[in-house]
Structure formats: structure tokens, C-alpha cells
């Protein structure tokens, strides 16, 4: 997924180790939902949702939003509806188990059609990012 998005440093150990530590602690705090599709013990697809807390605004009246992320499918699992099922599982979590009033995501060109079909719309404000070096 990160390679498909053109992210630098995909093979670096630093972020991978931090991700393992994060997964061991964060999901139990009820701010994150991960849904996976597996067959015979092999993970084929997955999706994750995380809550974000911000100041209320006209776009997000209660200040609670969700980020749909990390939607990925291994090559042998593609075109079987697995990523879609995982995304729907995460959307159900947002709808029924959280207070999120708005959801966002960053889509690859390959995934955009799925998200549009599920109700996401392109915004007029492009994402911008700045990395803080420490």
C-alpha cells in the first residue's frame, strides 16, 4: 500500500518497529478499528479506521472525525471483494460504535472508485503535508 502511494522509506525498520508497538497498544484503547480478510490463516486484505478529535466546525459539527486508512490487498487476493468487505466493516464500526460525524481518506487512483461507490466525495481542499524533523 505504501509503495503504491509512492511513500519514501517503505523498507525502513524504524517505522515498522514503531507500527508493531502501536498495534500492541492502540486498538485496545477503542480509538481504532482494524478489519482483515484471511483465508487459511493468510491475511489477504485489510482496512483500518481511527478516530480524530478536533474543534467542531460546520464540516464536522461535533469535532469527532474518522480516518479510513491502510486499505490494502495482497496481489493474490485482488478482485474478490475482500478490500470492499474490510472497508464496509470499518464503516460499520464508525457508524454504530463511534461518535464520528465525518470521515476522510487518502485514496490511490486504483481505490478511488470503490470509495466513491461507498459514498466518499472528492473535496475541493487538497491535502497538504509537512514533516517535522526531530
C-alpha atoms as a PDB file:
ATOM      1  CA  UNK A   1       0.000   0.000   0.000  1.00  0.00           C
ATOM      2  CA  UNK A   2       2.715   2.495   0.957  1.00  0.00           C
ATOM      3  CA  UNK A   3       4.665   1.611  -2.189  1.00  0.00           C
ATOM      4  CA  UNK A   4       1.552   2.170  -4.327  1.00  0.00           C
ATOM      5  CA  UNK A   5       1.184   5.622  -2.759  1.00  0.00           C
ATOM      6  CA  UNK A   6       4.825   6.480  -3.531  1.00  0.00           C
ATOM      7  CA  UNK A   7       5.800   6.830   0.150  1.00  0.00           C
ATOM      8  CA  UNK A   8       9.515   7.196   0.798  1.00  0.00           C
ATOM      9  CA  UNK A   9      11.185   4.886   3.305  1.00  0.00           C
ATOM     10  CA  UNK A  10       8.842   1.936   2.844  1.00  0.00           C
ATOM     11  CA  UNK A  11      11.573  -0.568   3.710  1.00  0.00           C
ATOM     12  CA  UNK A  12      12.913   1.306   6.766  1.00  0.00           C
ATOM     13  CA  UNK A  13      12.930  -0.637  10.042  1.00  0.00           C
ATOM     14  CA  UNK A  14      12.227   2.432  12.228  1.00  0.00           C
ATOM     15  CA  UNK A  15       8.603   2.897  11.188  1.00  0.00           C
ATOM     16  CA  UNK A  16       7.946  -0.850  11.056  1.00  0.00           C
ATOM     17  CA  UNK A  17       9.077  -1.324  14.655  1.00  0.00           C
ATOM     18  CA  UNK A  18       7.035   1.688  15.779  1.00  0.00           C
ATOM     19  CA  UNK A  19       3.987   0.253  13.970  1.00  0.00           C
ATOM     20  CA  UNK A  20       4.327  -3.070  15.792  1.00  0.00           C
ATOM     21  CA  UNK A  21       4.488  -1.240  19.147  1.00  0.00           C
ATOM     22  CA  UNK A  22       1.476   0.867  18.153  1.00  0.00           C
ATOM     23  CA  UNK A  23      -0.611  -2.168  17.183  1.00  0.00           C
ATOM     24  CA  UNK A  24       0.110  -3.790  20.522  1.00  0.00           C
ATOM     25  CA  UNK A  25      -1.285  -0.787  22.417  1.00  0.00           C
ATOM     26  CA  UNK A  26      -3.661   1.351  20.365  1.00  0.00           C
ATOM     27  CA  UNK A  27      -6.512  -0.957  19.281  1.00  0.00           C
ATOM     28  CA  UNK A  28      -7.317  -1.793  22.902  1.00  0.00           C
ATOM     29  CA  UNK A  29      -7.934   1.924  23.551  1.00  0.00           C
ATOM     30  CA  UNK A  30     -11.082   1.908  21.347  1.00  0.00           C
ATOM     31  CA  UNK A  31      -9.890   4.701  19.052  1.00  0.00           C
ATOM     32  CA  UNK A  32      -9.035   2.320  16.223  1.00  0.00           C
ATOM     33  CA  UNK A  33     -10.710  -0.497  14.326  1.00  0.00           C
ATOM     34  CA  UNK A  34      -8.878  -2.935  12.071  1.00  0.00           C
ATOM     35  CA  UNK A  35     -10.730  -5.408   9.874  1.00  0.00           C
ATOM     36  CA  UNK A  36      -8.911  -8.135   7.980  1.00  0.00           C
ATOM     37  CA  UNK A  37      -9.890 -10.786   5.465  1.00  0.00           C
ATOM     38  CA  UNK A  38      -7.998 -14.029   5.691  1.00  0.00           C
ATOM     39  CA  UNK A  39      -8.070 -17.434   4.077  1.00  0.00           C
ATOM     40  CA  UNK A  40      -6.362 -20.481   5.547  1.00  0.00           C
ATOM     41  CA  UNK A  41      -4.545 -18.308   8.078  1.00  0.00           C
ATOM     42  CA  UNK A  42      -3.124 -15.903   5.466  1.00  0.00           C
ATOM     43  CA  UNK A  43      -4.156 -12.238   5.614  1.00  0.00           C
ATOM     44  CA  UNK A  44      -5.304 -11.207   2.141  1.00  0.00           C
ATOM     45  CA  UNK A  45      -6.775  -7.749   2.760  1.00  0.00           C
ATOM     46  CA  UNK A  46      -7.362  -5.240   5.490  1.00  0.00           C
ATOM     47  CA  UNK A  47      -8.619  -1.782   6.365  1.00  0.00           C
ATOM     48  CA  UNK A  48      -8.332   0.438   9.418  1.00  0.00           C
ATOM     49  CA  UNK A  49     -10.251   3.331  10.890  1.00  0.00           C
ATOM     50  CA  UNK A  50      -9.061   5.778  13.541  1.00  0.00           C
ATOM     51  CA  UNK A  51     -10.880   8.486  15.432  1.00  0.00           C
ATOM     52  CA  UNK A  52      -9.644  12.070  15.494  1.00  0.00           C
ATOM     53  CA  UNK A  53     -10.782  14.752  17.906  1.00  0.00           C
ATOM     54  CA  UNK A  54     -10.809  18.347  16.670  1.00  0.00           C
ATOM     55  CA  UNK A  55     -12.578  21.610  17.255  1.00  0.00           C
ATOM     56  CA  UNK A  56     -16.205  21.454  15.993  1.00  0.00           C
ATOM     57  CA  UNK A  57     -16.826  23.148  12.658  1.00  0.00           C
ATOM     58  CA  UNK A  58     -19.559  23.387  10.010  1.00  0.00           C
ATOM     59  CA  UNK A  59     -17.970  20.411   8.245  1.00  0.00           C
ATOM     60  CA  UNK A  60     -17.604  18.406  11.465  1.00  0.00           C
ATOM     61  CA  UNK A  61     -20.254  19.625  13.931  1.00  0.00           C
ATOM     62  CA  UNK A  62     -19.232  17.544  16.943  1.00  0.00           C
ATOM     63  CA  UNK A  63     -15.480  17.656  16.317  1.00  0.00           C
ATOM     64  CA  UNK A  64     -15.153  13.877  16.071  1.00  0.00           C
ATOM     65  CA  UNK A  65     -13.969  12.630  12.693  1.00  0.00           C
ATOM     66  CA  UNK A  66     -12.661   9.382  11.363  1.00  0.00           C
ATOM     67  CA  UNK A  67      -9.787   8.497   9.106  1.00  0.00           C
ATOM     68  CA  UNK A  68     -10.147   5.419   6.912  1.00  0.00           C
ATOM     69  CA  UNK A  69      -6.648   4.191   6.157  1.00  0.00           C
ATOM     70  CA  UNK A  70      -4.368   1.281   5.424  1.00  0.00           C
ATOM     71  CA  UNK A  71      -6.693  -0.346   2.916  1.00  0.00           C
ATOM     72  CA  UNK A  72      -4.584  -2.966   1.186  1.00  0.00           C
ATOM     73  CA  UNK A  73      -4.918  -6.304  -0.582  1.00  0.00           C
ATOM     74  CA  UNK A  74      -2.154  -8.736  -1.477  1.00  0.00           C
ATOM     75  CA  UNK A  75      -1.979  -9.446  -5.236  1.00  0.00           C
ATOM     76  CA  UNK A  76      -3.494 -12.938  -4.983  1.00  0.00           C
ATOM     77  CA  UNK A  77      -6.495 -11.539  -3.081  1.00  0.00           C
ATOM     78  CA  UNK A  78      -7.423  -8.772  -5.508  1.00  0.00           C
ATOM     79  CA  UNK A  79     -10.692  -8.538  -7.453  1.00  0.00           C
ATOM     80  CA  UNK A  80     -12.532 -10.732  -4.942  1.00  0.00           C
ATOM     81  CA  UNK A  81     -14.326  -8.021  -2.952  1.00  0.00           C
ATOM     82  CA  UNK A  82     -12.081  -8.510   0.089  1.00  0.00           C
ATOM     83  CA  UNK A  83     -10.927  -4.895   0.472  1.00  0.00           C
ATOM     84  CA  UNK A  84     -14.517  -3.733  -0.022  1.00  0.00           C
ATOM     85  CA  UNK A  85     -15.709  -6.072   2.743  1.00  0.00           C
ATOM     86  CA  UNK A  86     -12.976  -4.803   5.064  1.00  0.00           C
ATOM     87  CA  UNK A  87     -13.830  -1.166   4.319  1.00  0.00           C
ATOM     88  CA  UNK A  88     -17.528  -1.831   4.935  1.00  0.00           C
ATOM     89  CA  UNK A  89     -16.612  -3.430   8.265  1.00  0.00           C
ATOM     90  CA  UNK A  90     -14.704  -0.317   9.291  1.00  0.00           C
ATOM     91  CA  UNK A  91     -17.523   1.951   8.067  1.00  0.00           C
ATOM     92  CA  UNK A  92     -19.976  -0.056  10.177  1.00  0.00           C
ATOM     93  CA  UNK A  93     -17.721   0.492  13.209  1.00  0.00           C
ATOM     94  CA  UNK A  94     -17.655   4.246  12.573  1.00  0.00           C
ATOM     95  CA  UNK A  95     -21.443   4.337  12.110  1.00  0.00           C
ATOM     96  CA  UNK A  96     -22.522   2.162  15.025  1.00  0.00           C
ATOM     97  CA  UNK A  97     -19.758   2.318  17.625  1.00  0.00           C
ATOM     98  CA  UNK A  98     -18.340   5.844  17.428  1.00  0.00           C
ATOM     99  CA  UNK A  99     -19.483   9.457  17.521  1.00  0.00           C
ATOM    100  CA  UNK A 100     -17.709  10.368  14.260  1.00  0.00           C
ATOM    101  CA  UNK A 101     -19.729  12.805  12.168  1.00  0.00           C
ATOM    102  CA  UNK A 102     -17.372  12.935   9.171  1.00  0.00           C
ATOM    103  CA  UNK A 103     -14.889  10.551   7.547  1.00  0.00           C
ATOM    104  CA  UNK A 104     -11.821  11.188   5.427  1.00  0.00           C
ATOM    105  CA  UNK A 105      -9.352   9.107   3.485  1.00  0.00           C
ATOM    106  CA  UNK A 106      -6.447   9.431   1.093  1.00  0.00           C
ATOM    107  CA  UNK A 107      -7.101   7.281  -1.972  1.00  0.00           C
ATOM    108  CA  UNK A 108      -4.838   5.816  -4.585  1.00  0.00           C
ATOM    109  CA  UNK A 109      -6.120   6.021  -8.146  1.00  0.00           C
ATOM    110  CA  UNK A 110      -6.848   2.302  -8.035  1.00  0.00           C
ATOM    111  CA  UNK A 111      -9.014   2.606  -4.913  1.00  0.00           C
ATOM    112  CA  UNK A 112     -10.862   5.839  -5.674  1.00  0.00           C
ATOM    113  CA  UNK A 113     -13.744   4.146  -7.499  1.00  0.00           C
ATOM    114  CA  UNK A 114     -14.503   1.887  -4.530  1.00  0.00           C
ATOM    115  CA  UNK A 115     -14.605   4.839  -2.139  1.00  0.00           C
ATOM    116  CA  UNK A 116     -16.792   6.941  -4.439  1.00  0.00           C
ATOM    117  CA  UNK A 117     -19.190   3.997  -4.804  1.00  0.00           C
ATOM    118  CA  UNK A 118     -19.392   3.794  -0.996  1.00  0.00           C
ATOM    119  CA  UNK A 119     -20.288   7.499  -0.690  1.00  0.00           C
ATOM    120  CA  UNK A 120     -16.975   9.354  -0.367  1.00  0.00           C
ATOM    121  CA  UNK A 121     -16.580  12.503  -2.465  1.00  0.00           C
ATOM    122  CA  UNK A 122     -13.531  14.392  -3.657  1.00  0.00           C
ATOM    123  CA  UNK A 123     -13.093  17.627  -1.694  1.00  0.00           C
ATOM    124  CA  UNK A 124     -12.057  20.985  -3.055  1.00  0.00           C
ATOM    125  CA  UNK A 125      -9.257  21.208  -0.492  1.00  0.00           C
ATOM    126  CA  UNK A 126      -6.240  19.122  -1.439  1.00  0.00           C
ATOM    127  CA  UNK A 127      -4.278  17.561   1.375  1.00  0.00           C
ATOM    128  CA  UNK A 128      -1.002  19.229   2.203  1.00  0.00           C
ATOM    129  CA  UNK A 129       1.626  17.800   4.494  1.00  0.00           C
ATOM    130  CA  UNK A 130       4.781  18.899   6.258  1.00  0.00           C
ATOM    131  CA  UNK A 131       7.089  16.509   8.035  1.00  0.00           C
ATOM    132  CA  UNK A 132       8.562  17.713  11.294  1.00  0.00           C
ATOM    133  CA  UNK A 133      12.143  16.556  11.658  1.00  0.00           C
ATOM    134  CA  UNK A 134      13.325  15.947  15.205  1.00  0.00           C
END
